[in-house]
Amino acid sequence: MELSLGASNSCKFISVAINYTVTANTVVDVTFVDANGHNILINPPQVNTLTPGGTVISYILPISEFSIENGIFIAILRVGGNEVHRQAILLHCDIDCCLTHLTHELIECACDCVRCSTTLAKAQKVFLLITSADYSIDQANDADANEIAGFISQANLKYLKAKEICNNSCGCDC
């Protein structure tokens, strides 16, 4: 793969790996945008030079270098100034925190009452939405260039809906 992304479980870092073959020394950079196409990298992108022979470039970016902490991060690989690949990743530690809070509420439930049923239904909805959003990101990363935007849009809608449901019951950074 030309470009691959990873995220730490804590959502504190994004790893970037570039594996692109060139025939002459070539400048490459990776910029980041959100699901709406807005630049989210605070500082200018790191510029590297690929050399013939299959050099792999990898580096780690702290989330503090981005204008968002959670949501969809789309990396755009440019080789010699031309876009050659896009890769997306969804960071959802905010949603994971919400699910943890809802799970603790369920553990503390000692009955099969309405409150517990409501909490369970909310947790199920959030879990299904975020799992589906992750799958949409996977589909986007495997899609043809003309299909990527549709999958990203679907992932973003699901993430935002999960976030909306969580806003009244988050347990971490409220």
N, C-alpha and C. Protein backbone atom coordinates (compact mmCIF):
# COMPACT_ATOMS: atom_id res chain seq x y z
N MET A 1 0.84 -1.18 0.00
CA MET A 1 0.00 0.00 0.00
C MET A 1 0.88 1.24 0.00
N GLU A 2 0.47 2.25 -0.72
CA GLU A 2 1.23 3.47 -0.85
C GLU A 2 1.26 4.29 0.44
N LEU A 3 0.15 4.29 1.16
CA LEU A 3 0.01 5.08 2.37
C LEU A 3 -0.79 4.28 3.37
N SER A 4 -0.33 4.21 4.59
CA SER A 4 -1.13 3.55 5.61
C SER A 4 -1.09 4.38 6.89
N LEU A 5 -2.22 4.33 7.60
CA LEU A 5 -2.39 5.08 8.84
C LEU A 5 -2.71 4.12 9.97
N GLY A 6 -2.34 4.51 11.15
CA GLY A 6 -2.70 3.79 12.36
C GLY A 6 -2.94 4.79 13.46
N ALA A 7 -3.65 4.37 14.47
CA ALA A 7 -3.90 5.26 15.61
C ALA A 7 -3.65 4.49 16.89
N SER A 8 -3.13 5.18 17.88
CA SER A 8 -2.95 4.54 19.19
C SER A 8 -4.33 4.36 19.82
N ASN A 9 -4.46 3.35 20.66
CA ASN A 9 -5.74 3.10 21.32
C ASN A 9 -6.20 4.28 22.16
N SER A 10 -5.27 5.09 22.61
CA SER A 10 -5.61 6.26 23.41
C SER A 10 -5.99 7.47 22.57
N CYS A 11 -5.92 7.33 21.25
CA CYS A 11 -6.20 8.44 20.32
C CYS A 11 -5.26 9.63 20.54
N LYS A 12 -4.04 9.36 20.98
CA LYS A 12 -3.07 10.43 21.22
C LYS A 12 -2.10 10.61 20.06
N PHE A 13 -2.00 9.58 19.19
CA PHE A 13 -1.04 9.61 18.09
C PHE A 13 -1.62 8.96 16.85
N ILE A 14 -1.19 9.48 15.70
CA ILE A 14 -1.48 8.84 14.41
C ILE A 14 -0.14 8.50 13.79
N SER A 15 -0.01 7.26 13.34
CA SER A 15 1.21 6.85 12.65
C SER A 15 0.96 6.89 11.15
N VAL A 16 1.98 7.30 10.44
CA VAL A 16 1.92 7.43 8.98
C VAL A 16 3.05 6.61 8.39
N ALA A 17 2.74 5.81 7.39
CA ALA A 17 3.77 5.06 6.66
C ALA A 17 3.56 5.27 5.17
N ILE A 18 4.64 5.65 4.50
CA ILE A 18 4.61 5.88 3.05
C ILE A 18 5.51 4.84 2.41
N ASN A 19 4.95 4.08 1.48
CA ASN A 19 5.71 3.07 0.76
C ASN A 19 5.39 3.25 -0.72
N TYR A 20 6.19 4.05 -1.35
CA TYR A 20 5.93 4.42 -2.74
C TYR A 20 7.23 4.31 -3.52
N THR A 21 7.20 3.66 -4.64
CA THR A 21 8.39 3.45 -5.45
C THR A 21 8.55 4.57 -6.47
N VAL A 22 9.75 5.12 -6.51
CA VAL A 22 10.07 6.20 -7.46
C VAL A 22 11.33 5.83 -8.24
N THR A 23 11.53 6.47 -9.36
CA THR A 23 12.71 6.21 -10.17
C THR A 23 13.80 7.26 -9.98
N ALA A 24 13.45 8.37 -9.34
CA ALA A 24 14.41 9.43 -9.03
C ALA A 24 14.01 10.05 -7.69
N ASN A 25 14.94 10.74 -7.06
CA ASN A 25 14.60 11.41 -5.80
C ASN A 25 13.36 12.26 -6.00
N THR A 26 12.36 12.07 -5.14
CA THR A 26 11.07 12.74 -5.30
C THR A 26 10.56 13.22 -3.95
N VAL A 27 10.09 14.45 -3.91
CA VAL A 27 9.53 15.04 -2.70
C VAL A 27 8.11 14.53 -2.49
N VAL A 28 7.81 14.12 -1.24
CA VAL A 28 6.47 13.66 -0.88
C VAL A 28 6.03 14.37 0.39
N ASP A 29 4.73 14.55 0.50
CA ASP A 29 4.17 15.08 1.74
C ASP A 29 2.79 14.49 1.94
N VAL A 30 2.34 14.52 3.20
CA VAL A 30 1.02 14.03 3.55
C VAL A 30 0.30 15.16 4.27
N THR A 31 -0.82 15.58 3.70
CA THR A 31 -1.67 16.57 4.35
C THR A 31 -2.88 15.85 4.93
N PHE A 32 -3.55 16.49 5.87
CA PHE A 32 -4.71 15.89 6.51
C PHE A 32 -5.90 16.84 6.41
N VAL A 33 -7.06 16.27 6.08
CA VAL A 33 -8.31 17.01 6.06
C VAL A 33 -9.34 16.22 6.86
N ASP A 34 -10.41 16.91 7.26
CA ASP A 34 -11.51 16.23 7.94
C ASP A 34 -12.52 15.73 6.90
N ALA A 35 -13.63 15.21 7.36
CA ALA A 35 -14.64 14.64 6.46
C ALA A 35 -15.23 15.68 5.52
N ASN A 36 -15.13 16.96 5.89
CA ASN A 36 -15.66 18.03 5.04
C ASN A 36 -14.59 18.65 4.14
N GLY A 37 -13.38 18.10 4.18
CA GLY A 37 -12.31 18.59 3.32
C GLY A 37 -11.54 19.77 3.88
N HIS A 38 -11.76 20.11 5.16
CA HIS A 38 -11.03 21.23 5.77
C HIS A 38 -9.69 20.75 6.31
N ASN A 39 -8.66 21.55 6.09
CA ASN A 39 -7.34 21.22 6.60
C ASN A 39 -7.38 21.12 8.13
N ILE A 40 -6.83 20.06 8.69
CA ILE A 40 -6.85 19.89 10.15
C ILE A 40 -5.45 19.79 10.74
N LEU A 41 -4.43 19.86 9.91
CA LEU A 41 -3.06 19.82 10.39
C LEU A 41 -2.65 21.26 10.73
N ILE A 42 -2.30 21.49 11.98
CA ILE A 42 -2.00 22.85 12.44
C ILE A 42 -0.74 23.40 11.77
N ASN A 43 0.32 22.60 11.73
CA ASN A 43 1.58 23.03 11.12
C ASN A 43 1.66 22.52 9.69
N PRO A 44 2.55 23.09 8.89
CA PRO A 44 2.71 22.59 7.53
C PRO A 44 3.06 21.09 7.55
N PRO A 45 2.68 20.36 6.50
CA PRO A 45 2.97 18.93 6.48
C PRO A 45 4.47 18.66 6.44
N GLN A 46 4.83 17.51 6.99
CA GLN A 46 6.22 17.06 6.95
C GLN A 46 6.56 16.71 5.51
N VAL A 47 7.66 17.27 5.01
CA VAL A 47 8.09 17.01 3.64
C VAL A 47 9.27 16.03 3.71
N ASN A 48 9.19 14.99 2.90
CA ASN A 48 10.24 13.98 2.86
C ASN A 48 10.67 13.77 1.42
N THR A 49 11.79 13.09 1.26
CA THR A 49 12.25 12.75 -0.07
C THR A 49 12.35 11.24 -0.19
N LEU A 50 11.67 10.70 -1.19
CA LEU A 50 11.79 9.28 -1.52
C LEU A 50 12.96 9.11 -2.47
N THR A 51 13.70 8.04 -2.28
CA THR A 51 14.82 7.75 -3.17
C THR A 51 14.52 6.45 -3.91
N PRO A 52 15.11 6.27 -5.07
CA PRO A 52 14.90 5.02 -5.81
C PRO A 52 15.33 3.83 -4.94
N GLY A 53 14.62 2.74 -5.08
CA GLY A 53 14.98 1.55 -4.33
C GLY A 53 13.98 1.18 -3.25
N GLY A 54 12.87 1.89 -3.18
CA GLY A 54 11.82 1.47 -2.26
C GLY A 54 11.98 1.90 -0.82
N THR A 55 12.34 3.12 -0.57
CA THR A 55 12.44 3.63 0.79
C THR A 55 11.06 3.72 1.43
N VAL A 56 10.95 3.25 2.66
CA VAL A 56 9.71 3.41 3.42
C VAL A 56 9.93 4.54 4.42
N ILE A 57 9.01 5.48 4.43
CA ILE A 57 9.07 6.60 5.37
C ILE A 57 7.95 6.41 6.38
N SER A 58 8.29 6.47 7.64
CA SER A 58 7.25 6.38 8.66
C SER A 58 7.54 7.38 9.77
N TYR A 59 6.45 7.91 10.32
CA TYR A 59 6.57 8.87 11.41
C TYR A 59 5.27 8.89 12.20
N ILE A 60 5.35 9.49 13.36
CA ILE A 60 4.20 9.56 14.25
C ILE A 60 3.86 11.02 14.50
N LEU A 61 2.57 11.33 14.40
CA LEU A 61 2.09 12.69 14.67
C LEU A 61 1.24 12.68 15.94
N PRO A 62 1.56 13.53 16.91
CA PRO A 62 0.68 13.63 18.08
C PRO A 62 -0.63 14.33 17.68
N ILE A 63 -1.70 13.94 18.30
CA ILE A 63 -3.01 14.54 18.02
C ILE A 63 -2.99 16.04 18.29
N SER A 64 -2.12 16.48 19.17
CA SER A 64 -2.01 17.92 19.47
C SER A 64 -1.61 18.73 18.23
N GLU A 65 -1.13 18.08 17.18
CA GLU A 65 -0.77 18.78 15.94
C GLU A 65 -1.96 18.96 15.00
N PHE A 66 -3.15 18.51 15.45
CA PHE A 66 -4.35 18.61 14.64
C PHE A 66 -5.35 19.55 15.31
N SER A 67 -6.24 20.10 14.52
CA SER A 67 -7.26 21.00 15.07
C SER A 67 -8.46 20.24 15.63
N ILE A 68 -8.51 18.92 15.43
CA ILE A 68 -9.56 18.08 16.01
C ILE A 68 -8.91 16.92 16.74
N GLU A 69 -9.64 16.34 17.71
CA GLU A 69 -9.11 15.20 18.46
C GLU A 69 -9.79 13.90 18.09
N ASN A 70 -11.01 13.98 17.64
CA ASN A 70 -11.79 12.81 17.27
C ASN A 70 -12.49 13.08 15.95
N GLY A 71 -12.91 12.01 15.31
CA GLY A 71 -13.60 12.14 14.03
C GLY A 71 -12.79 11.52 12.91
N ILE A 72 -13.14 11.90 11.70
CA ILE A 72 -12.49 11.32 10.52
C ILE A 72 -11.28 12.17 10.13
N PHE A 73 -10.15 11.49 9.98
CA PHE A 73 -8.90 12.08 9.53
C PHE A 73 -8.60 11.46 8.17
N ILE A 74 -8.46 12.29 7.15
CA ILE A 74 -8.15 11.80 5.81
C ILE A 74 -6.75 12.29 5.46
N ALA A 75 -5.85 11.35 5.22
CA ALA A 75 -4.49 11.68 4.81
C ALA A 75 -4.42 11.67 3.30
N ILE A 76 -3.79 12.69 2.75
CA ILE A 76 -3.62 12.80 1.30
C ILE A 76 -2.13 12.78 0.99
N LEU A 77 -1.71 11.74 0.28
CA LEU A 77 -0.31 11.60 -0.11
C LEU A 77 -0.10 12.31 -1.44
N ARG A 78 0.87 13.22 -1.43
CA ARG A 78 1.26 13.91 -2.66
C ARG A 78 2.70 13.54 -2.98
N VAL A 79 2.90 13.14 -4.21
CA VAL A 79 4.23 12.79 -4.70
C VAL A 79 4.56 13.75 -5.82
N GLY A 80 5.64 14.49 -5.63
CA GLY A 80 6.00 15.49 -6.63
C GLY A 80 4.91 16.53 -6.82
N GLY A 81 4.12 16.81 -5.78
CA GLY A 81 3.06 17.80 -5.83
C GLY A 81 1.72 17.28 -6.31
N ASN A 82 1.65 16.04 -6.78
CA ASN A 82 0.40 15.47 -7.29
C ASN A 82 -0.18 14.46 -6.30
N GLU A 83 -1.48 14.55 -6.07
CA GLU A 83 -2.13 13.59 -5.19
C GLU A 83 -2.11 12.21 -5.84
N VAL A 84 -1.64 11.22 -5.06
CA VAL A 84 -1.60 9.86 -5.59
C VAL A 84 -2.42 8.87 -4.76
N HIS A 85 -2.75 9.24 -3.53
CA HIS A 85 -3.50 8.29 -2.69
C HIS A 85 -4.13 9.03 -1.51
N ARG A 86 -5.29 8.48 -1.08
CA ARG A 86 -5.97 8.95 0.13
C ARG A 86 -6.21 7.77 1.04
N GLN A 87 -6.10 8.01 2.33
CA GLN A 87 -6.37 6.98 3.32
C GLN A 87 -7.08 7.67 4.49
N ALA A 88 -8.11 7.03 5.00
CA ALA A 88 -8.89 7.62 6.10
C ALA A 88 -8.79 6.76 7.35
N ILE A 89 -8.98 7.41 8.47
CA ILE A 89 -9.01 6.72 9.75
C ILE A 89 -10.03 7.45 10.63
N LEU A 90 -10.73 6.70 11.45
CA LEU A 90 -11.72 7.29 12.35
C LEU A 90 -11.23 7.14 13.77
N LEU A 91 -11.02 8.26 14.43
CA LEU A 91 -10.67 8.24 15.85
C LEU A 91 -11.95 8.52 16.62
N HIS A 92 -12.30 7.59 17.49
CA HIS A 92 -13.55 7.74 18.23
C HIS A 92 -13.39 7.43 19.71
N CYS A 93 -12.33 7.95 20.31
CA CYS A 93 -12.16 7.76 21.75
C CYS A 93 -13.28 8.44 22.53
N ASP A 94 -13.85 9.52 21.98
CA ASP A 94 -14.98 10.16 22.65
C ASP A 94 -16.18 9.21 22.71
N ILE A 95 -16.42 8.48 21.66
CA ILE A 95 -17.53 7.52 21.62
C ILE A 95 -17.21 6.32 22.50
N ASP A 96 -15.96 5.85 22.46
CA ASP A 96 -15.56 4.73 23.31
C ASP A 96 -15.75 5.08 24.78
N CYS A 97 -15.45 6.31 25.13
CA CYS A 97 -15.63 6.78 26.51
C CYS A 97 -17.11 6.77 26.88
N CYS A 98 -17.94 7.21 25.97
CA CYS A 98 -19.39 7.21 26.19
C CYS A 98 -19.88 5.78 26.40
N LEU A 99 -19.41 4.85 25.57
CA LEU A 99 -19.81 3.45 25.71
C LEU A 99 -19.36 2.88 27.05
N THR A 100 -18.18 3.28 27.49
CA THR A 100 -17.69 2.83 28.80
C THR A 100 -18.61 3.34 29.91
N HIS A 101 -18.99 4.59 29.82
CA HIS A 101 -19.89 5.18 30.81
C HIS A 101 -21.24 4.45 30.82
N LEU A 102 -21.78 4.20 29.65
CA LEU A 102 -23.06 3.50 29.55
C LEU A 102 -22.95 2.07 30.10
N THR A 103 -21.84 1.42 29.84
CA THR A 103 -21.62 0.07 30.36
C THR A 103 -21.56 0.07 31.88
N HIS A 104 -20.89 1.07 32.45
CA HIS A 104 -20.86 1.18 33.92
C HIS A 104 -22.26 1.38 34.49
N GLU A 105 -23.06 2.18 33.80
CA GLU A 105 -24.44 2.36 34.23
C GLU A 105 -25.19 1.03 34.22
N LEU A 106 -24.95 0.24 33.18
CA LEU A 106 -25.63 -1.06 33.09
C LEU A 106 -25.16 -2.03 34.17
N ILE A 107 -23.89 -2.00 34.48
CA ILE A 107 -23.37 -2.86 35.54
C ILE A 107 -24.01 -2.52 36.87
N GLU A 108 -24.23 -1.24 37.11
CA GLU A 108 -24.82 -0.79 38.37
C GLU A 108 -26.32 -1.02 38.44
N CYS A 109 -26.96 -1.33 37.32
CA CYS A 109 -28.39 -1.59 37.31
C CYS A 109 -28.68 -2.92 38.01
N ALA A 110 -29.53 -2.84 39.00
CA ALA A 110 -29.87 -4.06 39.74
C ALA A 110 -31.26 -4.57 39.38
N CYS A 111 -31.84 -3.99 38.36
CA CYS A 111 -33.20 -4.39 38.01
C CYS A 111 -33.37 -4.41 36.50
N ASP A 112 -34.53 -4.81 36.07
CA ASP A 112 -34.86 -4.79 34.64
C ASP A 112 -35.87 -3.67 34.41
N CYS A 113 -35.51 -2.49 34.89
CA CYS A 113 -36.43 -1.35 34.87
C CYS A 113 -36.29 -0.54 33.58
N VAL A 114 -37.10 0.47 33.46
CA VAL A 114 -37.11 1.33 32.27
C VAL A 114 -35.77 2.04 32.11
N ARG A 115 -35.19 2.51 33.21
CA ARG A 115 -33.91 3.22 33.14
C ARG A 115 -32.84 2.32 32.54
N CYS A 116 -32.80 1.08 33.00
CA CYS A 116 -31.80 0.15 32.48
C CYS A 116 -32.06 -0.17 31.02
N SER A 117 -33.30 -0.33 30.64
CA SER A 117 -33.64 -0.63 29.24
C SER A 117 -33.26 0.53 28.33
N THR A 118 -33.47 1.74 28.80
CA THR A 118 -33.11 2.92 28.01
C THR A 118 -31.60 3.00 27.84
N THR A 119 -30.86 2.74 28.91
CA THR A 119 -29.40 2.78 28.85
C THR A 119 -28.89 1.71 27.89
N LEU A 120 -29.45 0.51 27.96
CA LEU A 120 -29.03 -0.57 27.07
C LEU A 120 -29.33 -0.22 25.61
N ALA A 121 -30.51 0.31 25.35
CA ALA A 121 -30.88 0.69 23.98
C ALA A 121 -29.93 1.76 23.45
N LYS A 122 -29.59 2.73 24.30
CA LYS A 122 -28.67 3.80 23.89
C LYS A 122 -27.29 3.22 23.58
N ALA A 123 -26.81 2.34 24.45
CA ALA A 123 -25.49 1.73 24.24
C ALA A 123 -25.48 0.91 22.95
N GLN A 124 -26.54 0.18 22.70
CA GLN A 124 -26.61 -0.62 21.47
C GLN A 124 -26.58 0.26 20.23
N LYS A 125 -27.34 1.34 20.25
CA LYS A 125 -27.37 2.25 19.10
C LYS A 125 -25.99 2.83 18.84
N VAL A 126 -25.35 3.31 19.91
CA VAL A 126 -24.02 3.92 19.77
C VAL A 126 -23.02 2.90 19.24
N PHE A 127 -23.04 1.71 19.81
CA PHE A 127 -22.11 0.66 19.38
C PHE A 127 -22.32 0.30 17.91
N LEU A 128 -23.57 0.13 17.51
CA LEU A 128 -23.85 -0.21 16.11
C LEU A 128 -23.44 0.91 15.16
N LEU A 129 -23.70 2.14 15.55
CA LEU A 129 -23.33 3.27 14.71
C LEU A 129 -21.81 3.37 14.53
N ILE A 130 -21.07 3.24 15.62
CA ILE A 130 -19.61 3.42 15.52
C ILE A 130 -18.97 2.22 14.82
N THR A 131 -19.51 1.04 15.03
CA THR A 131 -19.01 -0.14 14.32
C THR A 131 -19.27 -0.01 12.82
N SER A 132 -20.44 0.47 12.48
CA SER A 132 -20.77 0.69 11.07
C SER A 132 -19.92 1.80 10.47
N ALA A 133 -19.63 2.85 11.23
CA ALA A 133 -18.77 3.93 10.75
C ALA A 133 -17.37 3.41 10.47
N ASP A 134 -16.85 2.57 11.37
CA ASP A 134 -15.53 1.96 11.15
C ASP A 134 -15.53 1.15 9.86
N TYR A 135 -16.60 0.40 9.63
CA TYR A 135 -16.69 -0.42 8.42
C TYR A 135 -16.75 0.47 7.17
N SER A 136 -17.46 1.59 7.26
CA SER A 136 -17.53 2.52 6.12
C SER A 136 -16.14 3.08 5.81
N ILE A 137 -15.34 3.32 6.84
CA ILE A 137 -13.97 3.80 6.62
C ILE A 137 -13.15 2.72 5.92
N ASP A 138 -13.31 1.46 6.36
CA ASP A 138 -12.61 0.36 5.69
C ASP A 138 -13.01 0.29 4.21
N GLN A 139 -14.30 0.45 3.94
CA GLN A 139 -14.77 0.43 2.55
C GLN A 139 -14.18 1.59 1.75
N ALA A 140 -14.12 2.77 2.37
CA ALA A 140 -13.54 3.94 1.69
C ALA A 140 -12.09 3.68 1.32
N ASN A 141 -11.36 3.05 2.23
CA ASN A 141 -9.94 2.81 1.98
C ASN A 141 -9.68 1.75 0.92
N ASP A 142 -10.69 0.94 0.63
CA ASP A 142 -10.56 -0.07 -0.41
C ASP A 142 -11.27 0.32 -1.71
N ALA A 143 -11.93 1.46 -1.72
CA ALA A 143 -12.78 1.86 -2.85
C ALA A 143 -11.99 2.53 -3.97
N ASP A 144 -12.63 2.58 -5.13
CA ASP A 144 -12.10 3.36 -6.24
C ASP A 144 -12.20 4.84 -5.88
N ALA A 145 -11.37 5.65 -6.50
CA ALA A 145 -11.30 7.07 -6.17
C ALA A 145 -12.65 7.77 -6.24
N ASN A 146 -13.51 7.40 -7.18
CA ASN A 146 -14.80 8.08 -7.33
C ASN A 146 -15.84 7.62 -6.29
N GLU A 147 -15.53 6.60 -5.50
CA GLU A 147 -16.46 6.11 -4.48
C GLU A 147 -16.07 6.52 -3.06
N ILE A 148 -14.87 6.99 -2.87
CA ILE A 148 -14.35 7.27 -1.53
C ILE A 148 -15.22 8.28 -0.80
N ALA A 149 -15.59 9.37 -1.45
CA ALA A 149 -16.36 10.44 -0.80
C ALA A 149 -17.68 9.93 -0.23
N GLY A 150 -18.35 9.03 -0.94
CA GLY A 150 -19.62 8.48 -0.47
C GLY A 150 -19.45 7.69 0.81
N PHE A 151 -18.42 6.85 0.86
CA PHE A 151 -18.16 6.05 2.06
C PHE A 151 -17.75 6.95 3.23
N ILE A 152 -16.95 7.97 2.95
CA ILE A 152 -16.53 8.91 4.00
C ILE A 152 -17.75 9.65 4.54
N SER A 153 -18.63 10.08 3.65
CA SER A 153 -19.85 10.78 4.06
C SER A 153 -20.71 9.90 4.97
N GLN A 154 -20.88 8.64 4.59
CA GLN A 154 -21.66 7.71 5.40
C GLN A 154 -21.01 7.49 6.77
N ALA A 155 -19.70 7.33 6.79
CA ALA A 155 -18.99 7.15 8.06
C ALA A 155 -19.16 8.37 8.95
N ASN A 156 -19.07 9.54 8.35
CA ASN A 156 -19.21 10.77 9.13
C ASN A 156 -20.61 10.92 9.70
N LEU A 157 -21.63 10.62 8.90
CA LEU A 157 -23.02 10.68 9.40
C LEU A 157 -23.22 9.74 10.59
N LYS A 158 -22.68 8.55 10.50
CA LYS A 158 -22.82 7.57 11.59
C LYS A 158 -22.05 8.02 12.84
N TYR A 159 -20.84 8.52 12.63
CA TYR A 159 -20.05 9.03 13.76
C TYR A 159 -20.77 10.19 14.44
N LEU A 160 -21.26 11.14 13.66
CA LEU A 160 -21.95 12.31 14.23
C LEU A 160 -23.23 11.91 14.96
N LYS A 161 -23.95 10.92 14.45
CA LYS A 161 -25.16 10.45 15.12
C LYS A 161 -24.80 9.79 16.46
N ALA A 162 -23.75 8.98 16.47
CA ALA A 162 -23.29 8.37 17.72
C ALA A 162 -22.88 9.44 18.72
N LYS A 163 -22.21 10.47 18.24
CA LYS A 163 -21.78 11.57 19.10
C LYS A 163 -22.99 12.32 19.66
N GLU A 164 -23.99 12.53 18.82
CA GLU A 164 -25.22 13.20 19.26
C GLU A 164 -25.90 12.40 20.37
N ILE A 165 -26.00 11.10 20.20
CA ILE A 165 -26.62 10.26 21.23
C ILE A 165 -25.82 10.31 22.52
N CYS A 166 -24.51 10.36 22.40
CA CYS A 166 -23.63 10.37 23.58
C CYS A 166 -23.60 11.70 24.31
N ASN A 167 -23.90 12.78 23.64
CA ASN A 167 -23.74 14.10 24.26
C ASN A 167 -24.47 14.25 25.58
N ASN A 168 -25.55 13.53 25.78
CA ASN A 168 -26.29 13.63 27.04
C ASN A 168 -25.82 12.63 28.08
N SER A 169 -24.87 11.78 27.73
CA SER A 169 -24.48 10.75 28.69
C SER A 169 -23.00 10.39 28.66
N CYS A 170 -22.16 11.32 28.24
CA CYS A 170 -20.73 10.98 28.19
C CYS A 170 -20.17 10.97 29.61
N GLY A 171 -19.08 10.26 29.78
CA GLY A 171 -18.53 10.11 31.12
C GLY A 171 -17.10 10.53 31.24
N CYS A 172 -16.50 11.10 30.20
CA CYS A 172 -15.07 11.39 30.28
C CYS A 172 -14.79 12.90 30.26
N ASP A 173 -14.83 13.50 29.12
CA ASP A 173 -14.40 14.89 29.00
C ASP A 173 -15.56 15.87 28.88
N CYS A 174 -16.58 15.66 29.65
CA CYS A 174 -17.75 16.56 29.58
C CYS A 174 -17.52 17.76 30.47
